[in-house]
Amino acid sequence: MNAPLIFYSLDVATIVCATLLGARVLASRPRLRSAQIIALIAFGLGCGVLLGHQEYGYWMPPAFRIEVGGWAGFLNLARNTTPGLFMLLCFTLFTDRRRFPRWLLVLLAVQLGLEEPGRSMIAPAWPYARLVTQTTPALLQSLFAGFALYWTAVDWRADLIERRRRTRVLTLIVSGLLVIVSGLLTRVLIPPGSPANYAVHLALTAADLGILAFVLFQLTDGDVGRYLAFEPASVRPPQVKTEADLAPALSRLIRLLEEGVCAREGLSLKGLADLVGLPEYRLRKLIHEQLGYRNFNALLHDYRIREACRQLGDPALRRTPILTIALSVGYASVNTFSRGFRDIMGVTPSTWRAAELSAAARAPDIAPKGE
């Protein structure tokens, strides 16, 4: 079998696997945001392979060339959405934040605008054409991949869902590096149209095929949701019904939480595990399955803010500075405390305090007469 036929078969197999993956996740969870993003990424990969067949056509025999005609602009745009979509996917899977940073969406729109129609509108002879249509979009793509890797890695130690922890590792090792390498090597570091660029394109296509085949194999058990839809972040009241050998540990954990262990500044999952008397991996499982938390930091914030609310609403502490209360519940700075308080309670600590103290002051006035 000659090399052109092998490369052609590689491209066809990659497009087929990308199509199967997109169809598979959409058919299983059509309303799940992460499934929709994965389907778009798979579509972009297929478009990239198809467009690459035309862009590198001069290295192929005529029998293996593909002309995409007027679809080139659309295929190019779809191909270059992959880093941005990968960033959105990592944010969706690995963070428990609800709002995606708007300024990153603006940069994504800028990057896509430079791809198309920027590439078709800017004359190649312009001295800065390559900087605008190649280098700048590639650097933005690397920025998106960097944020994706950051969101994948930053809360790895605090993540309480074991499947999501394993997914983080796979994402860091494989997908993120490929996104960065594909953008920088083929668009910035290696001259386009060179044999080396074509070799990198083939290597990346083979790597994409390997990833797609691996993911499809993992999904053969039919349970797509366990890889994409992690348990909701609803916090349940403490329960003592658990495995017999873990019931005493759960009781110790609940007692420590109620006694204010979360107020210890710098408390780590390992430190709490030592206090409870469990290995770290078993404490992760206990907190997630029995208390409903997906992230250890969320547990810390929740219990710290509960205690802060008690102190802020205490008329006897009305003159205590908010900074003092923030430090007493375990925060290192008032800014971190204010952000965490606003995320959970929806208002600033000062606003919440004013409302609670005002309600407490009015309470005797509205009590029924005769009491």
Protein backbone atom coordinates (compact mmCIF):
# COMPACT_ATOMS: atom_id res chain seq x y z
CA MET A 1 0.00 0.00 0.00
CA ASN A 2 1.48 3.37 -1.02
CA ALA A 3 1.83 6.38 1.26
CA PRO A 4 -0.84 8.61 -0.41
CA LEU A 5 -3.46 5.91 0.05
CA ILE A 6 -2.46 5.46 3.70
CA PHE A 7 -2.76 9.21 4.32
CA TYR A 8 -6.09 9.34 2.49
CA SER A 9 -7.41 6.44 4.58
CA LEU A 10 -6.22 8.24 7.72
CA ASP A 11 -8.21 11.34 6.79
CA VAL A 12 -11.34 9.36 5.96
CA ALA A 13 -11.15 7.39 9.21
CA THR A 14 -10.75 10.61 11.21
CA ILE A 15 -13.80 12.20 9.57
CA VAL A 16 -15.87 9.05 10.15
CA CYS A 17 -14.85 8.80 13.83
CA ALA A 18 -15.53 12.51 14.40
CA THR A 19 -18.99 12.14 12.86
CA LEU A 20 -19.75 9.05 14.95
CA LEU A 21 -18.62 10.76 18.15
CA GLY A 22 -20.70 13.87 17.54
CA ALA A 23 -23.76 11.80 16.68
CA ARG A 24 -23.19 9.51 19.67
CA VAL A 25 -23.09 12.21 22.34
CA LEU A 26 -25.94 14.20 20.81
CA ALA A 27 -28.17 11.15 20.52
CA SER A 28 -27.49 10.26 24.14
CA ARG A 29 -27.71 13.72 25.78
CA PRO A 30 -29.04 16.23 23.21
CA ARG A 31 -29.79 18.95 25.81
CA LEU A 32 -26.53 18.64 27.73
CA ARG A 33 -24.26 21.62 27.06
CA SER A 34 -21.05 19.59 27.21
CA ALA A 35 -22.48 17.11 24.68
CA GLN A 36 -23.38 19.94 22.33
CA ILE A 37 -19.87 21.42 22.61
CA ILE A 38 -18.25 18.03 21.96
CA ALA A 39 -20.41 17.58 18.86
CA LEU A 40 -19.27 20.98 17.57
CA ILE A 41 -15.63 20.13 18.28
CA ALA A 42 -16.01 16.86 16.41
CA PHE A 43 -17.58 18.72 13.50
CA GLY A 44 -14.70 21.21 13.50
CA LEU A 45 -12.16 18.39 13.45
CA GLY A 46 -13.86 16.84 10.43
CA CYS A 47 -13.93 20.20 8.65
CA GLY A 48 -10.23 20.70 9.41
CA VAL A 49 -9.28 17.35 7.91
CA LEU A 50 -11.36 18.02 4.79
CA LEU A 51 -9.93 21.51 4.30
CA GLY A 52 -6.40 20.27 4.95
CA HIS A 53 -6.82 17.84 2.10
CA GLN A 54 -7.22 20.81 -0.24
CA GLU A 55 -4.55 23.00 1.39
CA TYR A 56 -1.93 20.26 1.13
CA GLY A 57 -3.22 19.00 -2.22
CA TYR A 58 0.02 19.82 -4.02
CA TRP A 59 1.73 17.06 -2.00
CA MET A 60 -0.82 14.47 -3.14
CA PRO A 61 -1.38 12.64 -6.44
CA PRO A 62 -4.36 14.02 -8.43
CA ALA A 63 -6.46 10.94 -7.64
CA PHE A 64 -6.39 11.74 -3.92
CA ARG A 65 -7.05 15.49 -4.06
CA ILE A 66 -10.29 17.04 -2.83
CA GLU A 67 -11.55 20.45 -3.94
CA VAL A 68 -13.94 22.14 -1.52
CA GLY A 69 -14.64 25.13 -3.75
CA GLY A 70 -16.63 27.92 -2.13
CA TRP A 71 -16.90 26.00 1.15
CA ALA A 72 -13.30 26.79 2.06
CA GLY A 73 -14.19 29.83 4.17
CA PHE A 74 -16.85 27.97 6.14
CA LEU A 75 -14.58 24.97 6.69
CA ASN A 76 -11.76 27.23 7.84
CA LEU A 77 -14.02 29.00 10.33
CA ALA A 78 -15.37 25.70 11.69
CA ARG A 79 -11.84 24.31 12.00
CA ASN A 80 -10.58 27.29 13.98
CA THR A 81 -13.43 27.28 16.49
CA THR A 82 -11.91 24.17 18.11
CA PRO A 83 -9.63 25.91 20.68
CA GLY A 84 -12.43 28.24 21.78
CA LEU A 85 -14.89 25.36 22.05
CA PHE A 86 -12.32 23.33 23.96
CA MET A 87 -12.02 26.22 26.42
CA LEU A 88 -15.81 26.32 26.83
CA LEU A 89 -15.90 22.55 27.34
CA CYS A 90 -13.29 22.62 30.11
CA PHE A 91 -15.12 25.48 31.81
CA THR A 92 -18.39 23.53 31.63
CA LEU A 93 -16.95 20.24 32.86
CA PHE A 94 -14.41 21.29 35.45
CA THR A 95 -15.66 24.47 37.10
CA ASP A 96 -18.76 24.97 39.17
CA ARG A 97 -19.07 28.61 38.12
CA ARG A 98 -22.23 29.58 36.25
CA ARG A 99 -21.01 32.52 34.17
CA PHE A 100 -18.31 32.26 31.55
CA PRO A 101 -16.03 35.36 31.46
CA ARG A 102 -17.48 37.75 28.89
CA TRP A 103 -14.14 39.22 27.88
CA LEU A 104 -13.02 35.78 26.71
CA LEU A 105 -16.14 35.57 24.55
CA VAL A 106 -15.16 38.93 23.04
CA LEU A 107 -11.65 37.62 22.27
CA LEU A 108 -13.16 34.49 20.75
CA ALA A 109 -15.31 36.66 18.48
CA VAL A 110 -12.20 38.67 17.50
CA GLN A 111 -10.26 35.50 16.70
CA LEU A 112 -13.04 34.11 14.54
CA GLY A 113 -13.46 37.46 12.79
CA LEU A 114 -9.77 37.47 11.86
CA GLU A 115 -10.16 33.93 10.51
CA GLU A 116 -13.20 34.69 8.37
CA PRO A 117 -13.93 37.10 6.80
CA GLY A 118 -10.55 38.62 7.79
CA ARG A 119 -8.49 36.19 5.75
CA SER A 120 -10.55 36.71 2.60
CA MET A 121 -10.72 40.50 2.97
CA ILE A 122 -7.03 41.22 3.68
CA ALA A 123 -4.70 41.07 0.68
CA PRO A 124 -1.80 38.62 1.15
CA ALA A 125 0.60 41.27 -0.19
CA TRP A 126 -0.09 43.58 2.75
CA PRO A 127 3.02 43.61 5.01
CA TYR A 128 1.04 42.73 8.13
CA ALA A 129 -1.31 40.21 6.52
CA ARG A 130 0.37 37.17 8.10
CA LEU A 131 0.48 38.87 11.52
CA VAL A 132 -3.24 39.68 11.39
CA THR A 133 -4.64 36.54 9.78
CA GLN A 134 -2.22 33.88 11.06
CA THR A 135 -0.07 34.86 14.05
CA THR A 136 -2.65 36.81 16.06
CA PRO A 137 -5.43 34.17 15.73
CA ALA A 138 -2.91 31.44 16.60
CA LEU A 139 -1.80 33.30 19.73
CA LEU A 140 -5.44 33.80 20.75
CA GLN A 141 -6.06 30.09 20.23
CA SER A 142 -3.10 29.32 22.49
CA LEU A 143 -4.55 31.70 25.08
CA PHE A 144 -7.86 29.83 24.94
CA ALA A 145 -6.07 26.50 25.31
CA GLY A 146 -4.12 27.91 28.25
CA PHE A 147 -7.33 28.91 30.04
CA ALA A 148 -8.77 25.48 29.30
CA LEU A 149 -5.76 23.81 30.87
CA TYR A 150 -5.88 26.19 33.83
CA TRP A 151 -9.52 25.38 34.55
CA THR A 152 -8.73 21.70 34.15
CA ALA A 153 -5.85 21.76 36.63
CA VAL A 154 -6.60 24.48 39.18
CA ASP A 155 -9.19 22.62 41.26
CA TRP A 156 -7.90 19.11 40.69
CA ARG A 157 -6.89 18.57 44.31
CA ALA A 158 -10.18 19.99 45.59
CA ASP A 159 -12.37 18.00 43.19
CA LEU A 160 -14.45 15.45 45.10
CA ILE A 161 -15.77 13.51 42.06
CA GLU A 162 -13.37 10.72 41.20
CA ARG A 163 -14.52 10.32 37.59
CA ARG A 164 -14.09 14.03 36.97
CA ARG A 165 -10.59 13.90 38.46
CA ARG A 166 -9.62 11.17 35.99
CA THR A 167 -11.16 13.14 33.13
CA ARG A 168 -9.04 16.14 34.14
CA VAL A 169 -5.85 14.09 33.88
CA LEU A 170 -6.75 12.76 30.43
CA THR A 171 -7.61 16.26 29.23
CA LEU A 172 -4.31 17.69 30.48
CA ILE A 173 -2.15 14.98 28.97
CA VAL A 174 -3.74 14.71 25.55
CA SER A 175 -6.29 17.22 24.34
CA GLY A 176 -4.84 20.48 25.63
CA LEU A 177 -1.35 19.84 24.31
CA LEU A 178 -2.71 18.95 20.88
CA VAL A 179 -4.73 22.17 20.71
CA ILE A 180 -1.67 24.27 21.56
CA VAL A 181 0.70 22.37 19.29
CA SER A 182 -1.65 22.42 16.30
CA GLY A 183 -2.10 26.18 16.56
CA LEU A 184 1.52 27.22 17.11
CA LEU A 185 3.32 24.71 14.91
CA THR A 186 1.19 24.76 11.79
CA ARG A 187 0.39 28.48 11.81
CA VAL A 188 3.35 30.28 13.39
CA LEU A 189 6.54 28.27 13.91
CA ILE A 190 6.63 26.19 10.70
CA PRO A 191 6.26 27.93 7.31
CA PRO A 192 2.95 27.04 5.62
CA GLY A 193 3.27 24.94 2.52
CA SER A 194 6.53 23.33 3.64
CA PRO A 195 7.07 19.56 3.84
CA ALA A 196 7.54 19.90 7.62
CA ASN A 197 4.15 21.59 7.95
CA TYR A 198 2.52 18.78 6.00
CA ALA A 199 4.25 16.20 8.21
CA VAL A 200 2.96 17.93 11.35
CA HIS A 201 -0.54 18.01 9.83
CA LEU A 202 -0.40 14.25 9.26
CA ALA A 203 0.92 13.62 12.77
CA LEU A 204 -1.84 15.73 14.30
CA THR A 205 -4.48 13.95 12.20
CA ALA A 206 -3.18 10.60 13.41
CA ALA A 207 -3.24 11.83 17.02
CA ASP A 208 -6.80 13.12 16.58
CA LEU A 209 -7.84 9.76 15.16
CA GLY A 210 -6.31 7.98 18.14
CA ILE A 211 -8.15 10.25 20.60
CA LEU A 212 -11.46 9.88 18.77
CA ALA A 213 -11.13 6.10 18.63
CA PHE A 214 -10.26 5.95 22.35
CA VAL A 215 -13.24 8.12 23.33
CA LEU A 216 -15.61 6.12 21.13
CA PHE A 217 -14.34 2.93 22.74
CA GLN A 218 -14.96 4.37 26.22
CA LEU A 219 -18.54 5.21 25.22
CA THR A 220 -19.38 1.70 24.03
CA ASP A 221 -20.94 0.89 27.41
CA GLY A 222 -23.78 3.25 26.52
CA ASP A 223 -23.47 5.50 29.58
CA VAL A 224 -22.33 8.80 28.05
CA GLY A 225 -23.73 10.77 30.97
CA ARG A 226 -21.22 9.51 33.51
CA TYR A 227 -18.43 11.13 31.50
CA LEU A 228 -20.22 14.40 30.74
CA ALA A 229 -22.97 14.92 33.34
CA PHE A 230 -21.61 14.95 36.86
CA GLU A 231 -23.90 15.02 39.85
CA PRO A 232 -25.63 18.33 40.55
CA ALA A 233 -24.06 20.61 43.11
CA SER A 234 -27.09 20.61 45.41
CA VAL A 235 -25.96 20.40 49.03
CA ARG A 236 -27.82 17.86 51.11
CA PRO A 237 -28.25 17.93 54.90
CA PRO A 238 -25.82 15.64 56.75
CA GLN A 239 -26.85 12.01 56.66
CA VAL A 240 -25.58 9.23 58.91
CA LYS A 241 -26.85 6.40 56.70
CA THR A 242 -23.76 5.15 54.92
CA GLU A 243 -21.46 2.14 54.80
CA ALA A 244 -21.02 0.62 58.24
CA ASP A 245 -17.28 1.28 58.33
CA LEU A 246 -17.76 4.90 57.26
CA ALA A 247 -20.60 5.83 59.63
CA PRO A 248 -18.25 6.72 62.54
CA ALA A 249 -16.10 8.78 60.17
CA LEU A 250 -19.16 10.65 58.90
CA SER A 251 -20.19 11.39 62.47
CA ARG A 252 -16.71 12.74 63.23
CA LEU A 253 -16.78 14.83 60.07
CA ILE A 254 -20.17 16.36 60.89
CA ARG A 255 -19.03 17.12 64.44
CA LEU A 256 -15.87 18.83 63.19
CA LEU A 257 -17.85 20.90 60.68
CA GLU A 258 -20.35 21.98 63.31
CA GLU A 259 -17.53 22.88 65.71
CA GLY A 260 -16.06 25.26 63.13
CA VAL A 261 -13.12 23.34 61.70
CA CYS A 262 -13.58 25.19 58.39
CA ALA A 263 -12.61 28.43 60.14
CA ARG A 264 -9.01 27.24 60.26
CA GLU A 265 -7.11 29.29 57.71
CA GLY A 266 -5.36 27.12 55.14
CA LEU A 267 -7.35 24.00 55.96
CA SER A 268 -6.71 21.42 53.23
CA LEU A 269 -8.47 18.24 52.25
CA LYS A 270 -5.51 16.25 53.54
CA GLY A 271 -5.58 18.14 56.84
CA LEU A 272 -9.29 17.43 57.29
CA ALA A 273 -8.73 13.79 56.33
CA ASP A 274 -6.14 13.49 59.11
CA LEU A 275 -8.59 14.96 61.62
CA VAL A 276 -11.38 12.62 60.51
CA GLY A 277 -9.02 9.63 60.42
CA LEU A 278 -9.60 8.63 56.79
CA PRO A 279 -7.41 8.41 53.69
CA GLU A 280 -7.89 11.43 51.47
CA TYR A 281 -9.62 9.52 48.66
CA ARG A 282 -12.18 8.06 51.08
CA LEU A 283 -12.91 11.48 52.58
CA ARG A 284 -13.53 12.84 49.07
CA LYS A 285 -16.07 10.10 48.47
CA LEU A 286 -17.69 10.64 51.87
CA ILE A 287 -18.14 14.40 51.43
CA HIS A 288 -19.43 14.05 47.88
CA GLU A 289 -21.84 11.16 48.40
CA GLN A 290 -23.12 12.04 51.88
CA LEU A 291 -23.01 15.85 51.99
CA GLY A 292 -23.56 16.58 48.29
CA TYR A 293 -20.52 18.76 47.62
CA ARG A 294 -18.59 18.41 44.35
CA ASN A 295 -15.65 20.56 45.39
CA PHE A 296 -13.82 20.86 48.70
CA ASN A 297 -13.53 24.64 48.32
CA ALA A 298 -17.32 24.82 48.03
CA LEU A 299 -17.59 23.01 51.38
CA LEU A 300 -15.18 25.49 52.99
CA HIS A 301 -17.00 28.51 51.54
CA ASP A 302 -20.41 27.20 52.58
CA TYR A 303 -19.54 26.57 56.22
CA ARG A 304 -17.48 29.75 56.52
CA ILE A 305 -20.26 31.88 55.09
CA ARG A 306 -22.79 30.23 57.41
CA GLU A 307 -20.73 31.29 60.43
CA ALA A 308 -20.16 34.73 58.94
CA CYS A 309 -23.92 35.17 58.51
CA ARG A 310 -24.46 34.27 62.15
CA GLN A 311 -21.91 36.85 63.28
CA LEU A 312 -23.10 39.54 60.88
CA GLY A 313 -26.68 39.12 62.06
CA ASP A 314 -25.78 39.25 65.78
CA PRO A 315 -26.73 42.67 67.25
CA ALA A 316 -24.00 42.23 69.87
CA LEU A 317 -21.41 42.21 67.07
CA ARG A 318 -22.83 45.14 65.11
CA ARG A 319 -19.66 47.21 65.66
CA THR A 320 -17.26 44.37 64.79
CA PRO A 321 -15.49 45.19 61.49
CA ILE A 322 -16.29 42.95 58.56
CA LEU A 323 -12.56 42.28 58.14
CA THR A 324 -12.43 40.87 61.68
CA ILE A 325 -15.35 38.57 60.95
CA ALA A 326 -13.77 37.49 57.65
CA LEU A 327 -10.53 36.57 59.41
CA SER A 328 -12.37 34.78 62.22
CA VAL A 329 -14.16 32.43 59.82
CA GLY A 330 -11.00 31.47 57.94
CA TYR A 331 -10.51 33.95 55.09
CA ALA A 332 -7.12 35.54 54.52
CA SER A 333 -8.49 38.80 53.11
CA VAL A 334 -11.71 40.77 53.07
CA ASN A 335 -11.78 40.78 49.25
CA THR A 336 -11.82 36.97 49.06
CA PHE A 337 -14.48 36.90 51.76
CA SER A 338 -16.65 39.46 49.95
CA ARG A 339 -16.48 37.54 46.66
CA GLY A 340 -17.34 34.25 48.35
CA PHE A 341 -20.17 35.86 50.34
CA ARG A 342 -21.65 37.50 47.25
CA ASP A 343 -21.47 34.24 45.26
CA ILE A 344 -23.44 32.35 47.93
CA MET A 345 -25.75 34.97 49.41
CA GLY A 346 -26.22 37.18 46.35
CA VAL A 347 -25.40 40.43 48.18
CA THR A 348 -22.38 42.01 49.83
CA PRO A 349 -21.67 41.33 53.53
CA SER A 350 -22.45 44.93 54.49
CA THR A 351 -25.81 44.86 52.69
CA TRP A 352 -26.74 41.54 54.28
CA ARG A 353 -25.71 42.78 57.73
CA ALA A 354 -27.76 45.96 57.40
CA ALA A 355 -30.86 43.99 56.37
CA GLU A 356 -30.50 41.45 59.19
CA LEU A 357 -29.88 44.05 61.91
CA SER A 358 -32.79 46.13 60.64
CA ALA A 359 -35.09 43.10 60.76
CA ALA A 360 -33.88 42.26 64.28
CA ALA A 361 -34.54 45.84 65.43
CA ARG A 362 -38.12 45.75 64.09
CA ALA A 363 -38.93 42.33 65.57
CA PRO A 364 -40.22 43.57 68.97
CA ASP A 365 -42.44 46.18 67.29
CA ILE A 366 -44.30 43.61 65.22
CA ALA A 367 -44.76 41.05 67.98
CA PRO A 368 -48.45 40.38 68.90
CA LYS A 369 -49.79 42.44 71.84
CA GLY A 370 -50.09 40.67 75.13
CA GLU A 371 -46.92 38.61 74.73
